Amino acid sequence: MILSISGVILLGIIVFLFFRKDGLKGSHAVVCGLFGFFVSGTAIAPSIKAGSASLASLLGGIKF
């Protein structure tokens, strides 16, 4: 759950920055949001969630 919330916040910030700096139109942001909403209901959603969790654990295990 925490990965989902932080992922949503991170993606929201990225979309906001694109909207403000790179000329992302509001309609593009709506399409991106709807795409994510509809992808979450498909059969590929568990694979995407597992891949993002794996990436998060990989990045979390990096020692500086």
N, C-alpha and C. Protein backbone atom coordinates (compact mmCIF):
# COMPACT_ATOMS: atom_id res chain seq x y z
N MET A 1 0.82 -1.18 0.00
CA MET A 1 0.00 0.00 0.00
C MET A 1 0.87 1.25 0.00
N ILE A 2 1.93 1.26 0.78
CA ILE A 2 2.79 2.44 0.84
C ILE A 2 3.47 2.66 -0.50
N LEU A 3 3.86 1.58 -1.17
CA LEU A 3 4.47 1.72 -2.50
C LEU A 3 3.47 2.33 -3.47
N SER A 4 2.23 1.95 -3.39
CA SER A 4 1.20 2.50 -4.27
C SER A 4 1.00 3.99 -4.03
N ILE A 5 0.94 4.37 -2.76
CA ILE A 5 0.72 5.78 -2.43
C ILE A 5 1.92 6.62 -2.85
N SER A 6 3.12 6.15 -2.55
CA SER A 6 4.31 6.92 -2.93
C SER A 6 4.47 6.94 -4.45
N GLY A 7 4.11 5.86 -5.11
CA GLY A 7 4.17 5.85 -6.57
C GLY A 7 3.20 6.83 -7.19
N VAL A 8 2.00 6.90 -6.63
CA VAL A 8 1.00 7.85 -7.12
C VAL A 8 1.47 9.27 -6.88
N ILE A 9 2.04 9.54 -5.72
CA ILE A 9 2.54 10.88 -5.43
C ILE A 9 3.68 11.24 -6.37
N LEU A 10 4.62 10.33 -6.57
CA LEU A 10 5.74 10.59 -7.48
C LEU A 10 5.26 10.84 -8.90
N LEU A 11 4.38 10.00 -9.40
CA LEU A 11 3.86 10.19 -10.75
C LEU A 11 3.04 11.46 -10.86
N GLY A 12 2.32 11.79 -9.80
CA GLY A 12 1.57 13.04 -9.79
C GLY A 12 2.48 14.25 -9.88
N ILE A 13 3.60 14.21 -9.16
CA ILE A 13 4.57 15.30 -9.21
C ILE A 13 5.17 15.40 -10.61
N ILE A 14 5.50 14.27 -11.21
CA ILE A 14 6.07 14.27 -12.56
C ILE A 14 5.08 14.85 -13.56
N VAL A 15 3.82 14.45 -13.47
CA VAL A 15 2.80 14.99 -14.37
C VAL A 15 2.64 16.48 -14.15
N PHE A 16 2.66 16.92 -12.88
CA PHE A 16 2.55 18.35 -12.59
C PHE A 16 3.73 19.12 -13.18
N LEU A 17 4.95 18.58 -13.05
CA LEU A 17 6.12 19.26 -13.62
C LEU A 17 6.04 19.32 -15.13
N PHE A 18 5.61 18.23 -15.76
CA PHE A 18 5.41 18.26 -17.21
C PHE A 18 4.38 19.30 -17.59
N PHE A 19 3.32 19.38 -16.81
CA PHE A 19 2.25 20.33 -17.08
C PHE A 19 2.75 21.77 -16.98
N ARG A 20 3.58 22.04 -15.98
CA ARG A 20 4.06 23.40 -15.75
C ARG A 20 5.24 23.78 -16.64
N LYS A 21 6.17 22.87 -16.85
CA LYS A 21 7.43 23.21 -17.52
C LYS A 21 7.49 22.82 -18.99
N ASP A 22 6.95 21.67 -19.34
CA ASP A 22 7.13 21.15 -20.69
C ASP A 22 5.89 21.27 -21.57
N GLY A 23 4.89 21.98 -21.09
CA GLY A 23 3.72 22.21 -21.92
C GLY A 23 2.76 21.05 -22.03
N LEU A 24 2.71 20.20 -21.02
CA LEU A 24 1.74 19.12 -21.02
C LEU A 24 0.36 19.75 -20.87
N LYS A 25 -0.51 19.43 -21.77
CA LYS A 25 -1.84 20.00 -21.72
C LYS A 25 -2.70 19.24 -20.72
N GLY A 26 -3.72 19.90 -20.26
CA GLY A 26 -4.62 19.28 -19.29
C GLY A 26 -5.26 18.01 -19.82
N SER A 27 -5.58 18.03 -21.12
CA SER A 27 -6.18 16.83 -21.72
C SER A 27 -5.21 15.66 -21.71
N HIS A 28 -3.92 15.95 -21.88
CA HIS A 28 -2.91 14.88 -21.83
C HIS A 28 -2.85 14.28 -20.43
N ALA A 29 -2.90 15.15 -19.41
CA ALA A 29 -2.86 14.66 -18.04
C ALA A 29 -4.09 13.81 -17.73
N VAL A 30 -5.23 14.20 -18.23
CA VAL A 30 -6.45 13.41 -18.02
C VAL A 30 -6.33 12.06 -18.70
N VAL A 31 -5.80 12.04 -19.91
CA VAL A 31 -5.62 10.77 -20.63
C VAL A 31 -4.64 9.87 -19.88
N CYS A 32 -3.55 10.45 -19.36
CA CYS A 32 -2.59 9.65 -18.58
C CYS A 32 -3.25 9.06 -17.34
N GLY A 33 -4.04 9.86 -16.65
CA GLY A 33 -4.74 9.38 -15.46
C GLY A 33 -5.74 8.28 -15.78
N LEU A 34 -6.50 8.48 -16.84
CA LEU A 34 -7.48 7.45 -17.23
C LEU A 34 -6.79 6.17 -17.68
N PHE A 35 -5.66 6.32 -18.39
CA PHE A 35 -4.90 5.15 -18.82
C PHE A 35 -4.46 4.34 -17.60
N GLY A 36 -3.89 5.01 -16.61
CA GLY A 36 -3.46 4.33 -15.40
C GLY A 36 -4.62 3.67 -14.66
N PHE A 37 -5.75 4.37 -14.62
CA PHE A 37 -6.94 3.83 -13.96
C PHE A 37 -7.42 2.56 -14.65
N PHE A 38 -7.48 2.58 -15.97
CA PHE A 38 -7.98 1.42 -16.69
C PHE A 38 -6.95 0.29 -16.74
N VAL A 39 -5.67 0.60 -16.75
CA VAL A 39 -4.65 -0.46 -16.73
C VAL A 39 -4.70 -1.21 -15.40
N SER A 40 -5.05 -0.51 -14.33
CA SER A 40 -5.08 -1.16 -13.02
C SER A 40 -6.16 -2.24 -12.94
N GLY A 41 -7.12 -2.19 -13.84
CA GLY A 41 -8.17 -3.20 -13.83
C GLY A 41 -7.95 -4.34 -14.81
N THR A 42 -6.82 -4.37 -15.48
CA THR A 42 -6.56 -5.43 -16.45
C THR A 42 -5.78 -6.58 -15.84
N ALA A 43 -5.55 -7.59 -16.64
CA ALA A 43 -4.80 -8.77 -16.17
C ALA A 43 -3.31 -8.49 -16.01
N ILE A 44 -2.81 -7.43 -16.62
CA ILE A 44 -1.39 -7.12 -16.53
C ILE A 44 -1.04 -6.33 -15.26
N ALA A 45 -2.05 -5.86 -14.54
CA ALA A 45 -1.82 -5.05 -13.33
C ALA A 45 -0.95 -5.76 -12.28
N PRO A 46 -1.18 -7.06 -11.98
CA PRO A 46 -0.31 -7.71 -10.99
C PRO A 46 1.16 -7.77 -11.44
N SER A 47 1.39 -7.93 -12.73
CA SER A 47 2.77 -7.95 -13.23
C SER A 47 3.42 -6.58 -13.08
N ILE A 48 2.68 -5.53 -13.37
CA ILE A 48 3.22 -4.18 -13.21
C ILE A 48 3.50 -3.90 -11.74
N LYS A 49 2.60 -4.32 -10.86
CA LYS A 49 2.79 -4.10 -9.43
C LYS A 49 4.01 -4.88 -8.92
N ALA A 50 4.17 -6.13 -9.37
CA ALA A 50 5.32 -6.94 -8.95
C ALA A 50 6.62 -6.34 -9.48
N GLY A 51 6.60 -5.86 -10.71
CA GLY A 51 7.80 -5.24 -11.27
C GLY A 51 8.18 -3.96 -10.55
N SER A 52 7.19 -3.15 -10.20
CA SER A 52 7.50 -1.91 -9.48
C SER A 52 7.97 -2.20 -8.06
N ALA A 53 7.41 -3.23 -7.42
CA ALA A 53 7.88 -3.62 -6.08
C ALA A 53 9.31 -4.15 -6.14
N SER A 54 9.63 -4.90 -7.18
CA SER A 54 10.98 -5.42 -7.35
C SER A 54 11.98 -4.28 -7.57
N LEU A 55 11.58 -3.32 -8.40
CA LEU A 55 12.44 -2.17 -8.64
C LEU A 55 12.64 -1.34 -7.37
N ALA A 56 11.57 -1.18 -6.60
CA ALA A 56 11.67 -0.43 -5.35
C ALA A 56 12.60 -1.12 -4.36
N SER A 57 12.52 -2.45 -4.26
CA SER A 57 13.41 -3.17 -3.35
C SER A 57 14.86 -3.13 -3.85
N LEU A 58 15.05 -3.15 -5.17
CA LEU A 58 16.39 -3.04 -5.73
C LEU A 58 16.99 -1.68 -5.40
N LEU A 59 16.21 -0.62 -5.61
CA LEU A 59 16.69 0.73 -5.32
C LEU A 59 16.86 0.95 -3.82
N GLY A 60 16.02 0.31 -3.03
CA GLY A 60 16.14 0.43 -1.57
C GLY A 60 17.35 -0.29 -1.03
N GLY A 61 17.86 -1.27 -1.75
CA GLY A 61 19.02 -2.03 -1.28
C GLY A 61 20.36 -1.44 -1.68
N ILE A 62 20.35 -0.35 -2.43
CA ILE A 62 21.61 0.28 -2.86
C ILE A 62 22.25 0.99 -1.67
N LYS A 63 23.49 0.69 -1.42
CA LYS A 63 24.24 1.34 -0.33
C LYS A 63 25.23 2.33 -0.92
N PHE A 64 25.27 3.49 -0.33
CA PHE A 64 26.20 4.53 -0.80
C PHE A 64 27.41 4.60 0.06
